[in-house]
Amino acid sequence: MASAYYEIRVAGTMPAEILLDFERLTADVAPVETVLHGPLPGQAALAALLARLEEFGASVMEIRRLRDQGPPAVTSAPHSG
C-alpha cells in the first residue's frame, strides 16, 4: 500500500526535541506555527500521529492530504522570451 503525503499545521512553535519523535516527517517552524509534512502509510498512522500531538498539548489547526506519494511537486513559472 502506497503512503499518502500529508501537511499538518500546528499552532505555535514545537520544540526540537518533540519534533524528533516524528522521524519520517520534516518540519518547518515559524513563530506562529509548525508545519509537519511527509508520508504516512494509512489512516491508522495519521490517527497515531494526531494522538501523539495531543499528548504534547499541540493544537492542530489544519490537516491536508496532498498526494498519494512523495512531496508536492515544485513547479516553475513559464518564462516568456
PDB file of N, CA and C in Angstrom:
ATOM      1  N   MET A   1       0.840  -1.178   0.000  1.00  0.00           N
ATOM      2  CA  MET A   1       0.000   0.000   0.000  1.00  0.00           C
ATOM      3  C   MET A   1       0.884   1.239   0.000  1.00  0.00           C
ATOM      4  N   ALA A   2       0.609   2.188  -0.892  1.00  0.00           N
ATOM      5  CA  ALA A   2       1.392   3.417  -1.000  1.00  0.00           C
ATOM      6  C   ALA A   2       1.041   4.361   0.136  1.00  0.00           C
ATOM      7  N   SER A   3       2.012   5.131   0.551  1.00  0.00           N
ATOM      8  CA  SER A   3       1.794   6.142   1.575  1.00  0.00           C
ATOM      9  C   SER A   3       1.130   7.365   0.964  1.00  0.00           C
ATOM     10  N   ALA A   4       0.336   8.056   1.757  1.00  0.00           N
ATOM     11  CA  ALA A   4      -0.222   9.346   1.359  1.00  0.00           C
ATOM     12  C   ALA A   4       0.654  10.426   1.970  1.00  0.00           C
ATOM     13  N   TYR A   5       0.793  11.539   1.287  1.00  0.00           N
ATOM     14  CA  TYR A   5       1.633  12.631   1.746  1.00  0.00           C
ATOM     15  C   TYR A   5       0.741  13.679   2.398  1.00  0.00           C
ATOM     16  N   TYR A   6       1.053  14.031   3.639  1.00  0.00           N
ATOM     17  CA  TYR A   6       0.220  14.956   4.410  1.00  0.00           C
ATOM     18  C   TYR A   6       0.987  16.204   4.805  1.00  0.00           C
ATOM     19  N   GLU A   7       0.223  17.276   5.030  1.00  0.00           N
ATOM     20  CA  GLU A   7       0.744  18.504   5.624  1.00  0.00           C
ATOM     21  C   GLU A   7      -0.139  18.783   6.835  1.00  0.00           C
ATOM     22  N   ILE A   8       0.488  18.953   7.997  1.00  0.00           N
ATOM     23  CA  ILE A   8      -0.243  19.154   9.250  1.00  0.00           C
ATOM     24  C   ILE A   8       0.258  20.436   9.885  1.00  0.00           C
ATOM     25  N   ARG A   9      -0.637  21.404  10.077  1.00  0.00           N
ATOM     26  CA  ARG A   9      -0.277  22.696  10.675  1.00  0.00           C
ATOM     27  C   ARG A   9      -0.674  22.694  12.145  1.00  0.00           C
ATOM     28  N   VAL A  10       0.283  23.055  12.984  1.00  0.00           N
ATOM     29  CA  VAL A  10       0.097  23.059  14.432  1.00  0.00           C
ATOM     30  C   VAL A  10       0.336  24.478  14.926  1.00  0.00           C
ATOM     31  N   ALA A  11      -0.557  24.985  15.770  1.00  0.00           N
ATOM     32  CA  ALA A  11      -0.406  26.328  16.309  1.00  0.00           C
ATOM     33  C   ALA A  11       0.843  26.411  17.176  1.00  0.00           C
ATOM     34  N   GLY A  12       1.593  27.474  17.022  1.00  0.00           N
ATOM     35  CA  GLY A  12       2.777  27.706  17.844  1.00  0.00           C
ATOM     36  C   GLY A  12       3.995  26.939  17.370  1.00  0.00           C
ATOM     37  N   THR A  13       5.072  27.169  18.055  1.00  0.00           N
ATOM     38  CA  THR A  13       6.344  26.530  17.728  1.00  0.00           C
ATOM     39  C   THR A  13       6.527  25.293  18.591  1.00  0.00           C
ATOM     40  N   MET A  14       6.767  24.169  17.949  1.00  0.00           N
ATOM     41  CA  MET A  14       7.015  22.934  18.690  1.00  0.00           C
ATOM     42  C   MET A  14       8.510  22.806  18.956  1.00  0.00           C
ATOM     43  N   PRO A  15       8.907  22.455  20.173  1.00  0.00           N
ATOM     44  CA  PRO A  15      10.326  22.285  20.496  1.00  0.00           C
ATOM     45  C   PRO A  15      10.989  21.197  19.656  1.00  0.00           C
ATOM     46  N   ALA A  16      12.255  21.398  19.350  1.00  0.00           N
ATOM     47  CA  ALA A  16      13.016  20.464  18.508  1.00  0.00           C
ATOM     48  C   ALA A  16      12.989  19.040  19.057  1.00  0.00           C
ATOM     49  N   GLU A  17      13.054  18.869  20.382  1.00  0.00           N
ATOM     50  CA  GLU A  17      13.077  17.519  20.948  1.00  0.00           C
ATOM     51  C   GLU A  17      11.760  16.782  20.709  1.00  0.00           C
ATOM     52  N   ILE A  18      10.660  17.505  20.597  1.00  0.00           N
ATOM     53  CA  ILE A  18       9.371  16.881  20.278  1.00  0.00           C
ATOM     54  C   ILE A  18       9.342  16.505  18.802  1.00  0.00           C
ATOM     55  N   LEU A  19       9.862  17.377  17.953  1.00  0.00           N
ATOM     56  CA  LEU A  19       9.858  17.101  16.515  1.00  0.00           C
ATOM     57  C   LEU A  19      10.668  15.854  16.173  1.00  0.00           C
ATOM     58  N   LEU A  20      11.656  15.516  16.990  1.00  0.00           N
ATOM     59  CA  LEU A  20      12.447  14.309  16.757  1.00  0.00           C
ATOM     60  C   LEU A  20      11.591  13.049  16.837  1.00  0.00           C
ATOM     61  N   ASP A  21      10.464  13.119  17.551  1.00  0.00           N
ATOM     62  CA  ASP A  21       9.539  11.993  17.667  1.00  0.00           C
ATOM     63  C   ASP A  21       8.911  11.620  16.331  1.00  0.00           C
ATOM     64  N   PHE A  22       8.842  12.568  15.421  1.00  0.00           N
ATOM     65  CA  PHE A  22       8.180  12.350  14.143  1.00  0.00           C
ATOM     66  C   PHE A  22       9.234  12.160  13.061  1.00  0.00           C
ATOM     67  N   GLU A  23       9.970  11.075  13.152  1.00  0.00           N
ATOM     68  CA  GLU A  23      11.166  10.847  12.339  1.00  0.00           C
ATOM     69  C   GLU A  23      10.923  10.795  10.840  1.00  0.00           C
ATOM     70  N   ARG A  24       9.767  10.368  10.384  1.00  0.00           N
ATOM     71  CA  ARG A  24       9.518  10.283   8.929  1.00  0.00           C
ATOM     72  C   ARG A  24       9.024  11.602   8.354  1.00  0.00           C
ATOM     73  N   LEU A  25       8.751  12.576   9.209  1.00  0.00           N
ATOM     74  CA  LEU A  25       8.225  13.848   8.747  1.00  0.00           C
ATOM     75  C   LEU A  25       9.288  14.932   8.844  1.00  0.00           C
ATOM     76  N   THR A  26       9.157  15.932   8.008  1.00  0.00           N
ATOM     77  CA  THR A  26      10.012  17.106   8.130  1.00  0.00           C
ATOM     78  C   THR A  26       9.168  18.222   8.711  1.00  0.00           C
ATOM     79  N   ALA A  27       9.815  19.235   9.251  1.00  0.00           N
ATOM     80  CA  ALA A  27       9.082  20.327   9.883  1.00  0.00           C
ATOM     81  C   ALA A  27       9.675  21.662   9.478  1.00  0.00           C
ATOM     82  N   ASP A  28       8.780  22.600   9.206  1.00  0.00           N
ATOM     83  CA  ASP A  28       9.150  23.985   9.004  1.00  0.00           C
ATOM     84  C   ASP A  28       8.576  24.737  10.191  1.00  0.00           C
ATOM     85  N   VAL A  29       9.433  25.416  10.939  1.00  0.00           N
ATOM     86  CA  VAL A  29       8.983  26.093  12.147  1.00  0.00           C
ATOM     87  C   VAL A  29       9.030  27.594  11.922  1.00  0.00           C
ATOM     88  N   ALA A  30       7.915  28.239  12.213  1.00  0.00           N
ATOM     89  CA  ALA A  30       7.802  29.692  12.149  1.00  0.00           C
ATOM     90  C   ALA A  30       7.308  30.164  13.518  1.00  0.00           C
ATOM     91  N   PRO A  31       7.399  31.455  13.793  1.00  0.00           N
ATOM     92  CA  PRO A  31       6.988  31.925  15.118  1.00  0.00           C
ATOM     93  C   PRO A  31       5.544  31.600  15.502  1.00  0.00           C
ATOM     94  N   VAL A  32       4.650  31.500  14.540  1.00  0.00           N
ATOM     95  CA  VAL A  32       3.242  31.290  14.886  1.00  0.00           C
ATOM     96  C   VAL A  32       2.723  29.890  14.600  1.00  0.00           C
ATOM     97  N   GLU A  33       3.499  29.068  13.879  1.00  0.00           N
ATOM     98  CA  GLU A  33       3.027  27.718  13.600  1.00  0.00           C
ATOM     99  C   GLU A  33       4.181  26.802  13.225  1.00  0.00           C
ATOM    100  N   THR A  34       3.916  25.506  13.341  1.00  0.00           N
ATOM    101  CA  THR A  34       4.846  24.474  12.892  1.00  0.00           C
ATOM    102  C   THR A  34       4.123  23.687  11.814  1.00  0.00           C
ATOM    103  N   VAL A  35       4.779  23.450  10.691  1.00  0.00           N
ATOM    104  CA  VAL A  35       4.180  22.687   9.605  1.00  0.00           C
ATOM    105  C   VAL A  35       4.950  21.379   9.454  1.00  0.00           C
ATOM    106  N   LEU A  36       4.290  20.273   9.737  1.00  0.00           N
ATOM    107  CA  LEU A  36       4.864  18.940   9.554  1.00  0.00           C
ATOM    108  C   LEU A  36       4.418  18.434   8.201  1.00  0.00           C
ATOM    109  N   HIS A  37       5.319  17.812   7.466  1.00  0.00           N
ATOM    110  CA  HIS A  37       4.896  17.239   6.193  1.00  0.00           C
ATOM    111  C   HIS A  37       5.702  15.995   5.905  1.00  0.00           C
ATOM    112  N   GLY A  38       5.033  15.033   5.302  1.00  0.00           N
ATOM    113  CA  GLY A  38       5.685  13.785   4.965  1.00  0.00           C
ATOM    114  C   GLY A  38       4.682  12.678   4.748  1.00  0.00           C
ATOM    115  N   PRO A  39       5.185  11.518   4.374  1.00  0.00           N
ATOM    116  CA  PRO A  39       4.296  10.387   4.070  1.00  0.00           C
ATOM    117  C   PRO A  39       3.833   9.662   5.334  1.00  0.00           C
ATOM    118  N   LEU A  40       2.609   9.201   5.303  1.00  0.00           N
ATOM    119  CA  LEU A  40       2.054   8.355   6.361  1.00  0.00           C
ATOM    120  C   LEU A  40       1.409   7.164   5.667  1.00  0.00           C
ATOM    121  N   PRO A  41       1.655   5.940   6.160  1.00  0.00           N
ATOM    122  CA  PRO A  41       1.213   4.740   5.452  1.00  0.00           C
ATOM    123  C   PRO A  41      -0.285   4.464   5.481  1.00  0.00           C
ATOM    124  N   GLY A  42      -1.065   5.228   6.222  1.00  0.00           N
ATOM    125  CA  GLY A  42      -2.503   4.968   6.233  1.00  0.00           C
ATOM    126  C   GLY A  42      -3.205   5.769   7.311  1.00  0.00           C
ATOM    127  N   GLN A  43      -4.519   5.563   7.400  1.00  0.00           N
ATOM    128  CA  GLN A  43      -5.329   6.290   8.377  1.00  0.00           C
ATOM    129  C   GLN A  43      -4.917   5.982   9.816  1.00  0.00           C
ATOM    130  N   ALA A  44      -4.502   4.761  10.094  1.00  0.00           N
ATOM    131  CA  ALA A  44      -4.070   4.409  11.450  1.00  0.00           C
ATOM    132  C   ALA A  44      -2.826   5.204  11.840  1.00  0.00           C
ATOM    133  N   ALA A  45      -1.901   5.392  10.902  1.00  0.00           N
ATOM    134  CA  ALA A  45      -0.698   6.175  11.182  1.00  0.00           C
ATOM    135  C   ALA A  45      -1.046   7.639  11.409  1.00  0.00           C
ATOM    136  N   LEU A  46      -2.003   8.161  10.636  1.00  0.00           N
ATOM    137  CA  LEU A  46      -2.443   9.546  10.838  1.00  0.00           C
ATOM    138  C   LEU A  46      -3.087   9.693  12.213  1.00  0.00           C
ATOM    139  N   ALA A  47      -3.935   8.754  12.588  1.00  0.00           N
ATOM    140  CA  ALA A  47      -4.591   8.804  13.900  1.00  0.00           C
ATOM    141  C   ALA A  47      -3.556   8.734  15.026  1.00  0.00           C
ATOM    142  N   ALA A  48      -2.541   7.890  14.868  1.00  0.00           N
ATOM    143  CA  ALA A  48      -1.488   7.772  15.882  1.00  0.00           C
ATOM    144  C   ALA A  48      -0.703   9.073  15.989  1.00  0.00           C
ATOM    145  N   LEU A  49      -0.419   9.701  14.851  1.00  0.00           N
ATOM    146  CA  LEU A  49       0.298  10.979  14.858  1.00  0.00           C
ATOM    147  C   LEU A  49      -0.521  12.051  15.565  1.00  0.00           C
ATOM    148  N   LEU A  50      -1.804  12.116  15.276  1.00  0.00           N
ATOM    149  CA  LEU A  50      -2.662  13.109  15.920  1.00  0.00           C
ATOM    150  C   LEU A  50      -2.759  12.860  17.426  1.00  0.00           C
ATOM    151  N   ALA A  51      -2.821  11.593  17.828  1.00  0.00           N
ATOM    152  CA  ALA A  51      -2.852  11.261  19.257  1.00  0.00           C
ATOM    153  C   ALA A  51      -1.556  11.705  19.934  1.00  0.00           C
ATOM    154  N   ARG A  52      -0.454  11.510  19.242  1.00  0.00           N
ATOM    155  CA  ARG A  52       0.855  11.907  19.791  1.00  0.00           C
ATOM    156  C   ARG A  52       0.938  13.422  19.937  1.00  0.00           C
ATOM    157  N   LEU A  53       0.448  14.148  18.937  1.00  0.00           N
ATOM    158  CA  LEU A  53       0.426  15.609  19.022  1.00  0.00           C
ATOM    159  C   LEU A  53      -0.444  16.067  20.194  1.00  0.00           C
ATOM    160  N   GLU A  54      -1.564  15.374  20.410  1.00  0.00           N
ATOM    161  CA  GLU A  54      -2.445  15.705  21.532  1.00  0.00           C
ATOM    162  C   GLU A  54      -1.729  15.487  22.871  1.00  0.00           C
ATOM    163  N   GLU A  55      -0.923  14.414  22.961  1.00  0.00           N
ATOM    164  CA  GLU A  55      -0.146  14.161  24.184  1.00  0.00           C
ATOM    165  C   GLU A  55       0.771  15.333  24.508  1.00  0.00           C
ATOM    166  N   PHE A  56       1.297  15.983  23.463  1.00  0.00           N
ATOM    167  CA  PHE A  56       2.196  17.125  23.659  1.00  0.00           C
ATOM    168  C   PHE A  56       1.430  18.417  23.892  1.00  0.00           C
ATOM    169  N   GLY A  57       0.108  18.364  23.830  1.00  0.00           N
ATOM    170  CA  GLY A  57      -0.703  19.554  24.042  1.00  0.00           C
ATOM    171  C   GLY A  57      -0.754  20.459  22.820  1.00  0.00           C
ATOM    172  N   ALA A  58      -0.406  19.925  21.647  1.00  0.00           N
ATOM    173  CA  ALA A  58      -0.402  20.725  20.429  1.00  0.00           C
ATOM    174  C   ALA A  58      -1.828  20.946  19.926  1.00  0.00           C
ATOM    175  N   SER A  59      -2.070  22.110  19.386  1.00  0.00           N
ATOM    176  CA  SER A  59      -3.361  22.447  18.809  1.00  0.00           C
ATOM    177  C   SER A  59      -3.251  22.340  17.288  1.00  0.00           C
ATOM    178  N   VAL A  60      -3.829  21.291  16.717  1.00  0.00           N
ATOM    179  CA  VAL A  60      -3.769  21.076  15.272  1.00  0.00           C
ATOM    180  C   VAL A  60      -4.762  22.028  14.615  1.00  0.00           C
ATOM    181  N   MET A  61      -4.252  22.836  13.679  1.00  0.00           N
ATOM    182  CA  MET A  61      -5.089  23.824  13.009  1.00  0.00           C
ATOM    183  C   MET A  61      -5.612  23.323  11.663  1.00  0.00           C
ATOM    184  N   GLU A  62      -4.817  22.502  10.966  1.00  0.00           N
ATOM    185  CA  GLU A  62      -5.206  22.061   9.632  1.00  0.00           C
ATOM    186  C   GLU A  62      -4.475  20.774   9.271  1.00  0.00           C
ATOM    187  N   ILE A  63      -5.171  19.892   8.565  1.00  0.00           N
ATOM    188  CA  ILE A  63      -4.575  18.668   8.023  1.00  0.00           C
ATOM    189  C   ILE A  63      -4.969  18.618   6.553  1.00  0.00           C
ATOM    190  N   ARG A  64      -3.979  18.461   5.699  1.00  0.00           N
ATOM    191  CA  ARG A  64      -4.256  18.362   4.263  1.00  0.00           C
ATOM    192  C   ARG A  64      -3.566  17.136   3.692  1.00  0.00           C
ATOM    193  N   ARG A  65      -4.314  16.352   2.954  1.00  0.00           N
ATOM    194  CA  ARG A  65      -3.713  15.237   2.211  1.00  0.00           C
ATOM    195  C   ARG A  65      -3.325  15.804   0.850  1.00  0.00           C
ATOM    196  N   LEU A  66      -2.032  15.817   0.567  1.00  0.00           N
ATOM    197  CA  LEU A  66      -1.543  16.478  -0.623  1.00  0.00           C
ATOM    198  C   LEU A  66      -1.501  15.583  -1.843  1.00  0.00           C
ATOM    199  N   ARG A  67      -1.058  14.362  -1.673  1.00  0.00           N
ATOM    200  CA  ARG A  67      -0.972  13.431  -2.797  1.00  0.00           C
ATOM    201  C   ARG A  67      -0.709  12.038  -2.262  1.00  0.00           C
ATOM    202  N   ASP A  68      -0.735  11.056  -3.140  1.00  0.00           N
ATOM    203  CA  ASP A  68      -0.577   9.680  -2.693  1.00  0.00           C
ATOM    204  C   ASP A  68       0.865   9.273  -2.442  1.00  0.00           C
ATOM    205  N   GLN A  69       1.823   9.879  -3.103  1.00  0.00           N
ATOM    206  CA  GLN A  69       3.224   9.536  -2.843  1.00  0.00           C
ATOM    207  C   GLN A  69       4.111  10.740  -3.070  1.00  0.00           C
ATOM    208  N   GLY A  70       5.126  10.867  -2.245  1.00  0.00           N
ATOM    209  CA  GLY A  70       6.156  11.878  -2.433  1.00  0.00           C
ATOM    210  C   GLY A  70       5.729  13.277  -2.073  1.00  0.00           C
ATOM    211  N   PRO A  71       6.698  14.153  -1.958  1.00  0.00           N
ATOM    212  CA  PRO A  71       6.427  15.547  -1.609  1.00  0.00           C
ATOM    213  C   PRO A  71       5.753  16.259  -2.772  1.00  0.00           C
ATOM    214  N   PRO A  72       5.123  17.399  -2.492  1.00  0.00           N
ATOM    215  CA  PRO A  72       4.476  18.129  -3.566  1.00  0.00           C
ATOM    216  C   PRO A  72       5.490  18.518  -4.640  1.00  0.00           C
ATOM    217  N   ALA A  73       5.064  18.468  -5.868  1.00  0.00           N
ATOM    218  CA  ALA A  73       5.945  18.823  -6.974  1.00  0.00           C
ATOM    219  C   ALA A  73       6.208  20.327  -6.979  1.00  0.00           C
ATOM    220  N   VAL A  74       7.435  20.690  -7.270  1.00  0.00           N
ATOM    221  CA  VAL A  74       7.799  22.095  -7.385  1.00  0.00           C
ATOM    222  C   VAL A  74       7.644  22.457  -8.855  1.00  0.00           C
ATOM    223  N   THR A  75       6.878  23.490  -9.103  1.00  0.00           N
ATOM    224  CA  THR A  75       6.698  23.922 -10.479  1.00  0.00           C
ATOM    225  C   THR A  75       7.322  25.280 -10.664  1.00  0.00           C
ATOM    226  N   SER A  76       7.815  25.518 -11.842  1.00  0.00           N
ATOM    227  CA  SER A  76       8.388  26.825 -12.117  1.00  0.00           C
ATOM    228  C   SER A  76       7.450  27.551 -13.064  1.00  0.00           C
ATOM    229  N   ALA A  77       7.426  28.861 -12.925  1.00  0.00           N
ATOM    230  CA  ALA A  77       6.575  29.676 -13.780  1.00  0.00           C
ATOM    231  C   ALA A  77       7.157  29.718 -15.182  1.00  0.00           C
ATOM    232  N   PRO A  78       6.297  29.626 -16.179  1.00  0.00           N
ATOM    233  CA  PRO A  78       6.824  29.716 -17.545  1.00  0.00           C
ATOM    234  C   PRO A  78       7.389  31.105 -17.790  1.00  0.00           C
ATOM    235  N   HIS A  79       8.421  31.173 -18.560  1.00  0.00           N
ATOM    236  CA  HIS A  79       9.011  32.466 -18.847  1.00  0.00           C
ATOM    237  C   HIS A  79       8.814  32.797 -20.312  1.00  0.00           C
ATOM    238  N   SER A  80       8.631  34.057 -20.548  1.00  0.00           N
ATOM    239  CA  SER A  80       8.468  34.478 -21.940  1.00  0.00           C
ATOM    240  C   SER A  80       9.803  34.947 -22.454  1.00  0.00           C
ATOM    241  N   GLY A  81      10.041  34.726 -23.684  1.00  0.00           N
ATOM    242  CA  GLY A  81      11.354  35.076 -24.129  1.00  0.00           C
ATOM    243  C   GLY A  81      11.314  35.651 -25.432  1.00  0.00           C
TER     244      GLY A  81
END
